């Protein structure tokens, strides 16, 4: 994101495609993206902020707290959704629309024990 979007003559990666490029950037900055349209899953990435509040149309708020987040700490080592351990590598639309808090512990090293069971993996057409 920081390589393709910046304040230089090459800081914009081309045609906007009716908002697709911008929506990719905004969702990726939040720390998730709909890799497989047609599912309700948003695959987790690395948020660009330490705290993000999404004001939902239903009046609720979905808050993402990314503790220790910085340009080196890009790995999620622990995740909690509404104070419950969250091992999945994706959020669902239902998780977000209910509102609440998604707390992430960020680190410079991955946690190889988090998100490794079959139920933690997002939808894929391949194995």
C-alpha atoms as a PDB file:
ATOM      1  CA  UNK A   1       0.000   0.000   0.000  1.00  0.00           C
ATOM      2  CA  UNK A   2       2.756   2.445   0.861  1.00  0.00           C
ATOM      3  CA  UNK A   3       4.652   1.581  -2.336  1.00  0.00           C
ATOM      4  CA  UNK A   4       1.692   2.028  -4.699  1.00  0.00           C
ATOM      5  CA  UNK A   5      -0.027   4.968  -2.984  1.00  0.00           C
ATOM      6  CA  UNK A   6       2.180   7.948  -2.158  1.00  0.00           C
ATOM      7  CA  UNK A   7       2.800  11.610  -2.994  1.00  0.00           C
ATOM      8  CA  UNK A   8       5.055  11.019  -6.011  1.00  0.00           C
ATOM      9  CA  UNK A   9       4.464  11.021  -9.766  1.00  0.00           C
ATOM     10  CA  UNK A  10       4.154   7.217  -9.546  1.00  0.00           C
ATOM     11  CA  UNK A  11       2.044   7.251  -6.381  1.00  0.00           C
ATOM     12  CA  UNK A  12      -1.212   6.095  -7.942  1.00  0.00           C
ATOM     13  CA  UNK A  13      -1.444   2.637  -9.555  1.00  0.00           C
ATOM     14  CA  UNK A  14      -3.465   3.466 -12.654  1.00  0.00           C
ATOM     15  CA  UNK A  15      -7.086   3.422 -13.746  1.00  0.00           C
ATOM     16  CA  UNK A  16      -9.664   3.779 -10.977  1.00  0.00           C
ATOM     17  CA  UNK A  17     -12.020   1.096 -12.394  1.00  0.00           C
ATOM     18  CA  UNK A  18     -15.179   2.753 -11.002  1.00  0.00           C
ATOM     19  CA  UNK A  19     -13.892   2.840  -7.454  1.00  0.00           C
ATOM     20  CA  UNK A  20     -12.430  -0.656  -7.237  1.00  0.00           C
ATOM     21  CA  UNK A  21      -8.878   0.541  -6.629  1.00  0.00           C
ATOM     22  CA  UNK A  22      -9.943   3.025  -3.972  1.00  0.00           C
ATOM     23  CA  UNK A  23     -12.187   0.513  -2.210  1.00  0.00           C
ATOM     24  CA  UNK A  24      -9.323  -1.997  -2.148  1.00  0.00           C
ATOM     25  CA  UNK A  25      -7.129   0.621  -0.504  1.00  0.00           C
ATOM     26  CA  UNK A  26      -9.712   1.689   2.094  1.00  0.00           C
ATOM     27  CA  UNK A  27     -10.578  -1.875   3.126  1.00  0.00           C
ATOM     28  CA  UNK A  28      -6.917  -2.900   3.175  1.00  0.00           C
ATOM     29  CA  UNK A  29      -6.118   0.110   5.380  1.00  0.00           C
ATOM     30  CA  UNK A  30      -8.804  -1.155   7.776  1.00  0.00           C
ATOM     31  CA  UNK A  31      -6.987  -4.501   7.869  1.00  0.00           C
ATOM     32  CA  UNK A  32      -9.296  -6.756   5.866  1.00  0.00           C
ATOM     33  CA  UNK A  33     -10.488  -7.333   2.310  1.00  0.00           C
ATOM     34  CA  UNK A  34     -13.116  -9.361   0.466  1.00  0.00           C
ATOM     35  CA  UNK A  35     -10.780 -11.676  -1.413  1.00  0.00           C
ATOM     36  CA  UNK A  36     -13.617 -13.876  -2.657  1.00  0.00           C
ATOM     37  CA  UNK A  37     -16.690 -11.814  -3.624  1.00  0.00           C
ATOM     38  CA  UNK A  38     -19.889 -13.769  -3.154  1.00  0.00           C
ATOM     39  CA  UNK A  39     -18.898 -14.940   0.323  1.00  0.00           C
ATOM     40  CA  UNK A  40     -19.479 -13.026   3.553  1.00  0.00           C
ATOM     41  CA  UNK A  41     -15.788 -13.265   4.471  1.00  0.00           C
ATOM     42  CA  UNK A  42     -13.185 -10.529   4.720  1.00  0.00           C
ATOM     43  CA  UNK A  43      -9.662 -11.959   4.925  1.00  0.00           C
ATOM     44  CA  UNK A  44      -7.506 -10.337   7.605  1.00  0.00           C
ATOM     45  CA  UNK A  45      -4.459  -8.326   6.711  1.00  0.00           C
ATOM     46  CA  UNK A  46      -2.526  -5.693   8.583  1.00  0.00           C
ATOM     47  CA  UNK A  47      -4.355  -2.473   9.457  1.00  0.00           C
ATOM     48  CA  UNK A  48      -2.590   0.844   8.910  1.00  0.00           C
ATOM     49  CA  UNK A  49      -3.940   2.372  12.120  1.00  0.00           C
ATOM     50  CA  UNK A  50      -3.796   1.683  15.846  1.00  0.00           C
ATOM     51  CA  UNK A  51      -7.509   2.383  16.221  1.00  0.00           C
ATOM     52  CA  UNK A  52     -10.294   2.533  13.660  1.00  0.00           C
ATOM     53  CA  UNK A  53     -13.999   3.114  14.309  1.00  0.00           C
ATOM     54  CA  UNK A  54     -16.494   2.151  11.624  1.00  0.00           C
ATOM     55  CA  UNK A  55     -19.885   3.836  12.104  1.00  0.00           C
ATOM     56  CA  UNK A  56     -22.428   1.382  10.730  1.00  0.00           C
ATOM     57  CA  UNK A  57     -25.706   2.238   9.019  1.00  0.00           C
ATOM     58  CA  UNK A  58     -27.624   0.443  11.795  1.00  0.00           C
ATOM     59  CA  UNK A  59     -26.276   2.941  14.347  1.00  0.00           C
ATOM     60  CA  UNK A  60     -23.725   0.538  15.842  1.00  0.00           C
ATOM     61  CA  UNK A  61     -19.962   0.929  15.775  1.00  0.00           C
ATOM     62  CA  UNK A  62     -17.278  -1.619  14.950  1.00  0.00           C
ATOM     63  CA  UNK A  63     -13.969  -0.643  16.565  1.00  0.00           C
ATOM     64  CA  UNK A  64     -10.649  -2.171  15.555  1.00  0.00           C
ATOM     65  CA  UNK A  65      -7.815  -1.715  18.065  1.00  0.00           C
ATOM     66  CA  UNK A  66      -4.402  -2.795  16.784  1.00  0.00           C
ATOM     67  CA  UNK A  67      -2.115  -2.657  19.807  1.00  0.00           C
ATOM     68  CA  UNK A  68       1.591  -2.117  19.029  1.00  0.00           C
ATOM     69  CA  UNK A  69       0.768  -1.524  15.370  1.00  0.00           C
ATOM     70  CA  UNK A  70       3.488   0.135  13.298  1.00  0.00           C
ATOM     71  CA  UNK A  71       5.260  -0.427   9.988  1.00  0.00           C
ATOM     72  CA  UNK A  72       7.362  -3.274  11.453  1.00  0.00           C
ATOM     73  CA  UNK A  73       4.633  -4.972  13.517  1.00  0.00           C
ATOM     74  CA  UNK A  74       2.501  -6.334  10.693  1.00  0.00           C
ATOM     75  CA  UNK A  75       1.596  -9.752  12.119  1.00  0.00           C
ATOM     76  CA  UNK A  76      -1.495 -10.488  14.211  1.00  0.00           C
ATOM     77  CA  UNK A  77      -0.296 -12.574  17.151  1.00  0.00           C
ATOM     78  CA  UNK A  78      -3.570 -12.474  19.100  1.00  0.00           C
ATOM     79  CA  UNK A  79      -7.106 -11.458  18.167  1.00  0.00           C
ATOM     80  CA  UNK A  80     -10.219 -11.008  20.291  1.00  0.00           C
ATOM     81  CA  UNK A  81     -13.703 -10.222  19.083  1.00  0.00           C
ATOM     82  CA  UNK A  82     -15.811  -8.730  21.867  1.00  0.00           C
ATOM     83  CA  UNK A  83     -13.339 -10.068  24.461  1.00  0.00           C
ATOM     84  CA  UNK A  84     -13.439 -13.645  23.115  1.00  0.00           C
ATOM     85  CA  UNK A  85     -10.405 -15.298  21.535  1.00  0.00           C
ATOM     86  CA  UNK A  86     -10.772 -15.096  17.749  1.00  0.00           C
ATOM     87  CA  UNK A  87      -8.590 -17.543  15.840  1.00  0.00           C
ATOM     88  CA  UNK A  88     -10.081 -17.179  12.351  1.00  0.00           C
ATOM     89  CA  UNK A  89      -8.065 -15.500   9.608  1.00  0.00           C
ATOM     90  CA  UNK A  90     -11.147 -13.649   8.400  1.00  0.00           C
ATOM     91  CA  UNK A  91     -14.077 -11.602   9.665  1.00  0.00           C
ATOM     92  CA  UNK A  92     -17.591 -12.145   8.409  1.00  0.00           C
ATOM     93  CA  UNK A  93     -20.085  -9.483   7.432  1.00  0.00           C
ATOM     94  CA  UNK A  94     -22.171 -10.681  10.391  1.00  0.00           C
ATOM     95  CA  UNK A  95     -19.249 -10.097  12.777  1.00  0.00           C
ATOM     96  CA  UNK A  96     -18.905  -6.516  11.591  1.00  0.00           C
ATOM     97  CA  UNK A  97     -22.583  -5.519  11.317  1.00  0.00           C
ATOM     98  CA  UNK A  98     -23.279  -6.572  14.930  1.00  0.00           C
ATOM     99  CA  UNK A  99     -20.834  -3.906  16.060  1.00  0.00           C
ATOM    100  CA  UNK A 100     -18.369  -4.358  18.884  1.00  0.00           C
ATOM    101  CA  UNK A 101     -14.629  -4.405  19.342  1.00  0.00           C
ATOM    102  CA  UNK A 102     -11.979  -6.325  17.465  1.00  0.00           C
ATOM    103  CA  UNK A 103      -8.731  -6.211  19.431  1.00  0.00           C
ATOM    104  CA  UNK A 104      -5.509  -7.216  17.715  1.00  0.00           C
ATOM    105  CA  UNK A 105      -2.050  -7.641  19.181  1.00  0.00           C
ATOM    106  CA  UNK A 106       0.466  -6.814  16.468  1.00  0.00           C
ATOM    107  CA  UNK A 107       4.080  -8.036  16.354  1.00  0.00           C
ATOM    108  CA  UNK A 108       7.126  -8.076  14.086  1.00  0.00           C
ATOM    109  CA  UNK A 109       7.096 -11.896  14.157  1.00  0.00           C
ATOM    110  CA  UNK A 110       4.212 -14.186  13.183  1.00  0.00           C
ATOM    111  CA  UNK A 111       2.455 -16.460  15.667  1.00  0.00           C
ATOM    112  CA  UNK A 112       2.655 -19.836  13.933  1.00  0.00           C
ATOM    113  CA  UNK A 113       0.109 -21.348  16.347  1.00  0.00           C
ATOM    114  CA  UNK A 114      -2.701 -18.852  15.622  1.00  0.00           C
ATOM    115  CA  UNK A 115      -5.293 -19.470  12.918  1.00  0.00           C
ATOM    116  CA  UNK A 116      -4.060 -22.882  11.815  1.00  0.00           C
ATOM    117  CA  UNK A 117      -7.112 -25.139  12.198  1.00  0.00           C
ATOM    118  CA  UNK A 118      -9.364 -25.885   9.234  1.00  0.00           C
ATOM    119  CA  UNK A 119     -12.140 -23.697  10.664  1.00  0.00           C
ATOM    120  CA  UNK A 120      -9.786 -20.701  10.826  1.00  0.00           C
ATOM    121  CA  UNK A 121      -9.138 -20.661   7.097  1.00  0.00           C
ATOM    122  CA  UNK A 122     -11.178 -18.524   4.702  1.00  0.00           C
ATOM    123  CA  UNK A 123     -13.081 -19.968   1.765  1.00  0.00           C
ATOM    124  CA  UNK A 124     -10.928 -21.105  -1.130  1.00  0.00           C
ATOM    125  CA  UNK A 125     -11.597 -22.926  -4.381  1.00  0.00           C
ATOM    126  CA  UNK A 126      -8.291 -24.759  -3.902  1.00  0.00           C
ATOM    127  CA  UNK A 127      -6.739 -26.705  -1.045  1.00  0.00           C
END
